[in-house]
Amino acid sequence: MQFQKILLTIGFLLISSTHAGAQGEIPRIGDTYIISRDDGRNFRGSHRIYNRPAEGLVEVEYCNRSYWVRYATVAWTQLEVENSYKVRVEFNWGKGWRPICDHPEEQVTLEGLGISEDPRVVVQNGRTTVDKAGRFAAIRDAFMSQGKEKAAKSFHDE
């Protein structure tokens, strides 16, 4: 029995470090992840979620607590549930994983974040392509004429 637990732990660490290694991170005590498990509660995959903002992350709320995630994480969560796996927010407390929040897929969706792209596309790209269009629109708007009274002054006007 103890031997099986050790094998499961080693397997989990190998799988989670493979996923986390793609992002350059290995789970540490204090890390928070969305973890996918099958009906037998076996680990399927995970995505790290963060406790503070950073570039490329969007603020979301799971069980009345703010986190920052990638759009691809939200899309992946939706896809895991579509494939009949269970996902939840879990915390690494050094002696295993402690559940924090059930059904994150019901609390945050791509649609709720204003993204209409298919979750498979978002996961494949690692991000949403809508961000690019929004960025170009913001640049375009910055250069549009706003009328003489609203226009920024320049040294040519003096």
C-alpha atoms as a PDB file:
ATOM      1  CA  MET A   1       0.000   0.000   0.000  1.00  0.00           C
ATOM      2  CA  GLN A   2       2.772   2.441   0.948  1.00  0.00           C
ATOM      3  CA  PHE A   3       4.672   1.462  -2.208  1.00  0.00           C
ATOM      4  CA  GLN A   4       1.619   2.352  -4.348  1.00  0.00           C
ATOM      5  CA  LYS A   5       1.416   5.790  -2.725  1.00  0.00           C
ATOM      6  CA  ILE A   6       5.079   6.396  -3.468  1.00  0.00           C
ATOM      7  CA  LEU A   7       4.612   5.351  -7.101  1.00  0.00           C
ATOM      8  CA  LEU A   8       1.544   7.585  -7.459  1.00  0.00           C
ATOM      9  CA  THR A   9       3.435  10.514  -5.943  1.00  0.00           C
ATOM     10  CA  ILE A  10       6.412  10.005  -8.265  1.00  0.00           C
ATOM     11  CA  GLY A  11       4.071   9.700 -11.256  1.00  0.00           C
ATOM     12  CA  PHE A  12       2.230  12.869 -10.277  1.00  0.00           C
ATOM     13  CA  LEU A  13       5.481  14.790  -9.866  1.00  0.00           C
ATOM     14  CA  LEU A  14       6.748  13.620 -13.235  1.00  0.00           C
ATOM     15  CA  ILE A  15       3.522  14.534 -14.997  1.00  0.00           C
ATOM     16  CA  SER A  16       3.079  17.879 -13.251  1.00  0.00           C
ATOM     17  CA  SER A  17       6.717  18.828 -13.704  1.00  0.00           C
ATOM     18  CA  THR A  18       6.429  17.991 -17.410  1.00  0.00           C
ATOM     19  CA  HIS A  19       3.490  20.367 -17.757  1.00  0.00           C
ATOM     20  CA  ALA A  20       4.990  22.982 -15.474  1.00  0.00           C
ATOM     21  CA  GLY A  21       8.368  22.553 -17.137  1.00  0.00           C
ATOM     22  CA  ALA A  22       6.841  23.785 -20.374  1.00  0.00           C
ATOM     23  CA  GLN A  23       6.267  27.053 -18.530  1.00  0.00           C
ATOM     24  CA  GLY A  24       9.631  26.820 -16.781  1.00  0.00           C
ATOM     25  CA  GLU A  25       8.074  26.119 -13.400  1.00  0.00           C
ATOM     26  CA  ILE A  26       7.947  23.143 -11.061  1.00  0.00           C
ATOM     27  CA  PRO A  27       5.163  23.204  -8.459  1.00  0.00           C
ATOM     28  CA  ARG A  28       6.387  24.477  -5.086  1.00  0.00           C
ATOM     29  CA  ILE A  29       4.808  24.786  -1.684  1.00  0.00           C
ATOM     30  CA  GLY A  30       2.343  27.658  -1.859  1.00  0.00           C
ATOM     31  CA  ASP A  31       1.574  27.344  -5.581  1.00  0.00           C
ATOM     32  CA  THR A  32      -2.038  27.271  -6.725  1.00  0.00           C
ATOM     33  CA  TYR A  33      -3.196  25.293  -9.758  1.00  0.00           C
ATOM     34  CA  ILE A  34      -6.354  24.280 -11.538  1.00  0.00           C
ATOM     35  CA  ILE A  35      -6.055  20.505 -11.580  1.00  0.00           C
ATOM     36  CA  SER A  36      -7.981  18.080 -13.762  1.00  0.00           C
ATOM     37  CA  ARG A  37      -8.760  14.590 -12.480  1.00  0.00           C
ATOM     38  CA  ASP A  38     -10.653  11.611 -13.871  1.00  0.00           C
ATOM     39  CA  ASP A  39     -13.474   9.771 -12.103  1.00  0.00           C
ATOM     40  CA  GLY A  40     -10.924   7.734 -10.168  1.00  0.00           C
ATOM     41  CA  ARG A  41      -9.433  11.035  -8.871  1.00  0.00           C
ATOM     42  CA  ASN A  42      -6.254  10.369 -10.871  1.00  0.00           C
ATOM     43  CA  PHE A  43      -4.282  13.397 -12.028  1.00  0.00           C
ATOM     44  CA  ARG A  44      -4.817  14.365 -15.700  1.00  0.00           C
ATOM     45  CA  GLY A  45      -3.185  17.772 -16.029  1.00  0.00           C
ATOM     46  CA  SER A  46      -2.838  21.190 -14.476  1.00  0.00           C
ATOM     47  CA  HIS A  47      -2.442  24.890 -15.128  1.00  0.00           C
ATOM     48  CA  ARG A  48      -0.870  27.265 -12.654  1.00  0.00           C
ATOM     49  CA  ILE A  49      -2.890  30.265 -11.521  1.00  0.00           C
ATOM     50  CA  TYR A  50      -1.341  33.273  -9.838  1.00  0.00           C
ATOM     51  CA  ASN A  51      -2.017  35.423  -6.798  1.00  0.00           C
ATOM     52  CA  ARG A  52      -0.816  38.661  -8.393  1.00  0.00           C
ATOM     53  CA  PRO A  53      -1.018  40.368 -11.770  1.00  0.00           C
ATOM     54  CA  ALA A  54       1.560  39.905 -14.512  1.00  0.00           C
ATOM     55  CA  GLU A  55       1.768  40.573 -18.237  1.00  0.00           C
ATOM     56  CA  GLY A  56      -0.403  38.221 -20.263  1.00  0.00           C
ATOM     57  CA  LEU A  57      -2.694  37.359 -17.347  1.00  0.00           C
ATOM     58  CA  VAL A  58      -6.295  38.380 -16.729  1.00  0.00           C
ATOM     59  CA  GLU A  59      -7.898  38.796 -13.305  1.00  0.00           C
ATOM     60  CA  VAL A  60     -10.651  36.310 -12.476  1.00  0.00           C
ATOM     61  CA  GLU A  61     -12.475  35.241  -9.347  1.00  0.00           C
ATOM     62  CA  TYR A  62     -12.814  31.685  -8.071  1.00  0.00           C
ATOM     63  CA  CYS A  63     -14.867  31.173  -4.893  1.00  0.00           C
ATOM     64  CA  ASN A  64     -14.785  34.899  -4.050  1.00  0.00           C
ATOM     65  CA  ARG A  65     -10.998  35.187  -4.334  1.00  0.00           C
ATOM     66  CA  SER A  66      -9.031  36.980  -7.064  1.00  0.00           C
ATOM     67  CA  TYR A  67      -6.492  35.121  -9.181  1.00  0.00           C
ATOM     68  CA  TRP A  68      -4.688  35.932 -12.411  1.00  0.00           C
ATOM     69  CA  VAL A  69      -4.773  33.383 -15.226  1.00  0.00           C
ATOM     70  CA  ARG A  70      -4.001  32.982 -18.911  1.00  0.00           C
ATOM     71  CA  TYR A  71      -6.909  32.855 -21.332  1.00  0.00           C
ATOM     72  CA  ALA A  72      -5.566  29.432 -22.376  1.00  0.00           C
ATOM     73  CA  THR A  73      -6.076  28.207 -18.789  1.00  0.00           C
ATOM     74  CA  VAL A  74      -9.762  29.167 -18.878  1.00  0.00           C
ATOM     75  CA  ALA A  75     -10.128  27.501 -22.294  1.00  0.00           C
ATOM     76  CA  TRP A  76      -8.322  24.342 -21.099  1.00  0.00           C
ATOM     77  CA  THR A  77     -10.600  24.177 -18.040  1.00  0.00           C
ATOM     78  CA  GLN A  78     -13.670  24.287 -20.277  1.00  0.00           C
ATOM     79  CA  LEU A  79     -12.273  21.558 -22.536  1.00  0.00           C
ATOM     80  CA  GLU A  80     -11.441  19.258 -19.617  1.00  0.00           C
ATOM     81  CA  VAL A  81     -15.036  19.509 -18.358  1.00  0.00           C
ATOM     82  CA  GLU A  82     -16.376  18.899 -21.886  1.00  0.00           C
ATOM     83  CA  ASN A  83     -14.343  15.659 -21.829  1.00  0.00           C
ATOM     84  CA  SER A  84     -16.047  14.629 -18.549  1.00  0.00           C
ATOM     85  CA  TYR A  85     -13.097  15.324 -16.236  1.00  0.00           C
ATOM     86  CA  LYS A  86     -13.409  17.156 -12.930  1.00  0.00           C
ATOM     87  CA  VAL A  87     -11.454  20.353 -12.377  1.00  0.00           C
ATOM     88  CA  ARG A  88     -10.901  22.336  -9.229  1.00  0.00           C
ATOM     89  CA  VAL A  89      -8.566  24.911  -7.764  1.00  0.00           C
ATOM     90  CA  GLU A  90      -5.990  23.247  -5.527  1.00  0.00           C
ATOM     91  CA  PHE A  91      -3.175  24.507  -3.320  1.00  0.00           C
ATOM     92  CA  ASN A  92       0.191  22.767  -2.833  1.00  0.00           C
ATOM     93  CA  TRP A  93       0.753  22.736   0.920  1.00  0.00           C
ATOM     94  CA  GLY A  94       3.893  20.591   0.812  1.00  0.00           C
ATOM     95  CA  LYS A  95       2.230  17.326   1.832  1.00  0.00           C
ATOM     96  CA  GLY A  96      -0.052  17.041  -1.156  1.00  0.00           C
ATOM     97  CA  TRP A  97      -2.757  19.091  -2.754  1.00  0.00           C
ATOM     98  CA  ARG A  98      -5.518  20.751  -0.782  1.00  0.00           C
ATOM     99  CA  PRO A  99      -8.763  21.612  -2.607  1.00  0.00           C
ATOM    100  CA  ILE A 100      -9.713  25.289  -2.505  1.00  0.00           C
ATOM    101  CA  CYS A 101     -12.567  25.639  -4.945  1.00  0.00           C
ATOM    102  CA  ASP A 102     -14.832  23.283  -6.889  1.00  0.00           C
ATOM    103  CA  HIS A 103     -16.246  23.919 -10.367  1.00  0.00           C
ATOM    104  CA  PRO A 104     -14.033  26.788 -11.552  1.00  0.00           C
ATOM    105  CA  GLU A 105     -15.460  26.165 -15.057  1.00  0.00           C
ATOM    106  CA  GLU A 106     -18.829  27.470 -13.843  1.00  0.00           C
ATOM    107  CA  GLN A 107     -17.304  30.604 -12.328  1.00  0.00           C
ATOM    108  CA  VAL A 108     -15.067  31.803 -15.178  1.00  0.00           C
ATOM    109  CA  THR A 109     -15.634  31.167 -18.891  1.00  0.00           C
ATOM    110  CA  LEU A 110     -14.147  32.590 -22.063  1.00  0.00           C
ATOM    111  CA  GLU A 111     -17.565  34.015 -22.909  1.00  0.00           C
ATOM    112  CA  GLY A 112     -17.708  35.699 -19.498  1.00  0.00           C
ATOM    113  CA  LEU A 113     -14.321  37.278 -20.269  1.00  0.00           C
ATOM    114  CA  GLY A 114     -15.675  38.608 -23.579  1.00  0.00           C
ATOM    115  CA  ILE A 115     -13.914  35.999 -25.739  1.00  0.00           C
ATOM    116  CA  SER A 116     -16.005  34.340 -28.446  1.00  0.00           C
ATOM    117  CA  GLU A 117     -13.247  32.141 -29.887  1.00  0.00           C
ATOM    118  CA  ASP A 118     -13.475  28.381 -29.670  1.00  0.00           C
ATOM    119  CA  PRO A 119     -11.583  27.140 -26.587  1.00  0.00           C
ATOM    120  CA  ARG A 120      -9.562  24.744 -28.776  1.00  0.00           C
ATOM    121  CA  VAL A 121      -8.184  27.696 -30.754  1.00  0.00           C
ATOM    122  CA  VAL A 122      -7.289  29.585 -27.579  1.00  0.00           C
ATOM    123  CA  VAL A 123      -5.490  26.545 -26.119  1.00  0.00           C
ATOM    124  CA  GLN A 124      -3.694  25.878 -29.420  1.00  0.00           C
ATOM    125  CA  ASN A 125      -2.486  29.484 -29.705  1.00  0.00           C
ATOM    126  CA  GLY A 126      -1.712  29.759 -26.002  1.00  0.00           C
ATOM    127  CA  ARG A 127      -3.691  32.989 -25.994  1.00  0.00           C
ATOM    128  CA  THR A 128      -6.662  34.644 -27.596  1.00  0.00           C
ATOM    129  CA  THR A 129      -6.243  36.370 -30.953  1.00  0.00           C
ATOM    130  CA  VAL A 130      -8.874  38.915 -29.929  1.00  0.00           C
ATOM    131  CA  ASP A 131      -6.203  40.708 -27.887  1.00  0.00           C
ATOM    132  CA  LYS A 132      -4.324  41.577 -31.074  1.00  0.00           C
ATOM    133  CA  ALA A 133      -7.364  43.142 -32.685  1.00  0.00           C
ATOM    134  CA  GLY A 134      -8.048  45.112 -29.500  1.00  0.00           C
ATOM    135  CA  ARG A 135      -4.468  46.364 -29.440  1.00  0.00           C
ATOM    136  CA  PHE A 136      -4.668  47.557 -33.051  1.00  0.00           C
ATOM    137  CA  ALA A 137      -7.984  49.290 -32.370  1.00  0.00           C
ATOM    138  CA  ALA A 138      -6.452  51.121 -29.402  1.00  0.00           C
ATOM    139  CA  ILE A 139      -3.499  52.256 -31.546  1.00  0.00           C
ATOM    140  CA  ARG A 140      -5.842  53.373 -34.337  1.00  0.00           C
ATOM    141  CA  ASP A 141      -8.020  55.305 -31.906  1.00  0.00           C
ATOM    142  CA  ALA A 142      -4.979  57.048 -30.441  1.00  0.00           C
ATOM    143  CA  PHE A 143      -4.160  58.525 -33.864  1.00  0.00           C
ATOM    144  CA  MET A 144      -7.696  59.486 -34.873  1.00  0.00           C
ATOM    145  CA  SER A 145      -8.525  63.171 -35.031  1.00  0.00           C
ATOM    146  CA  GLN A 146     -10.515  64.285 -31.998  1.00  0.00           C
ATOM    147  CA  GLY A 147     -11.303  67.829 -33.105  1.00  0.00           C
ATOM    148  CA  LYS A 148      -9.234  70.959 -32.478  1.00  0.00           C
ATOM    149  CA  GLU A 149     -10.400  71.514 -28.871  1.00  0.00           C
ATOM    150  CA  LYS A 150      -9.586  67.908 -27.827  1.00  0.00           C
ATOM    151  CA  ALA A 151      -6.389  67.524 -29.819  1.00  0.00           C
ATOM    152  CA  ALA A 152      -3.112  67.398 -27.950  1.00  0.00           C
ATOM    153  CA  LYS A 153      -0.990  70.529 -28.296  1.00  0.00           C
ATOM    154  CA  SER A 154       2.330  70.264 -30.060  1.00  0.00           C
ATOM    155  CA  PHE A 155       5.282  72.596 -30.407  1.00  0.00           C
ATOM    156  CA  HIS A 156       4.061  73.373 -33.953  1.00  0.00           C
ATOM    157  CA  ASP A 157       0.997  75.208 -32.556  1.00  0.00           C
ATOM    158  CA  GLU A 158       3.014  77.909 -30.788  1.00  0.00           C
END
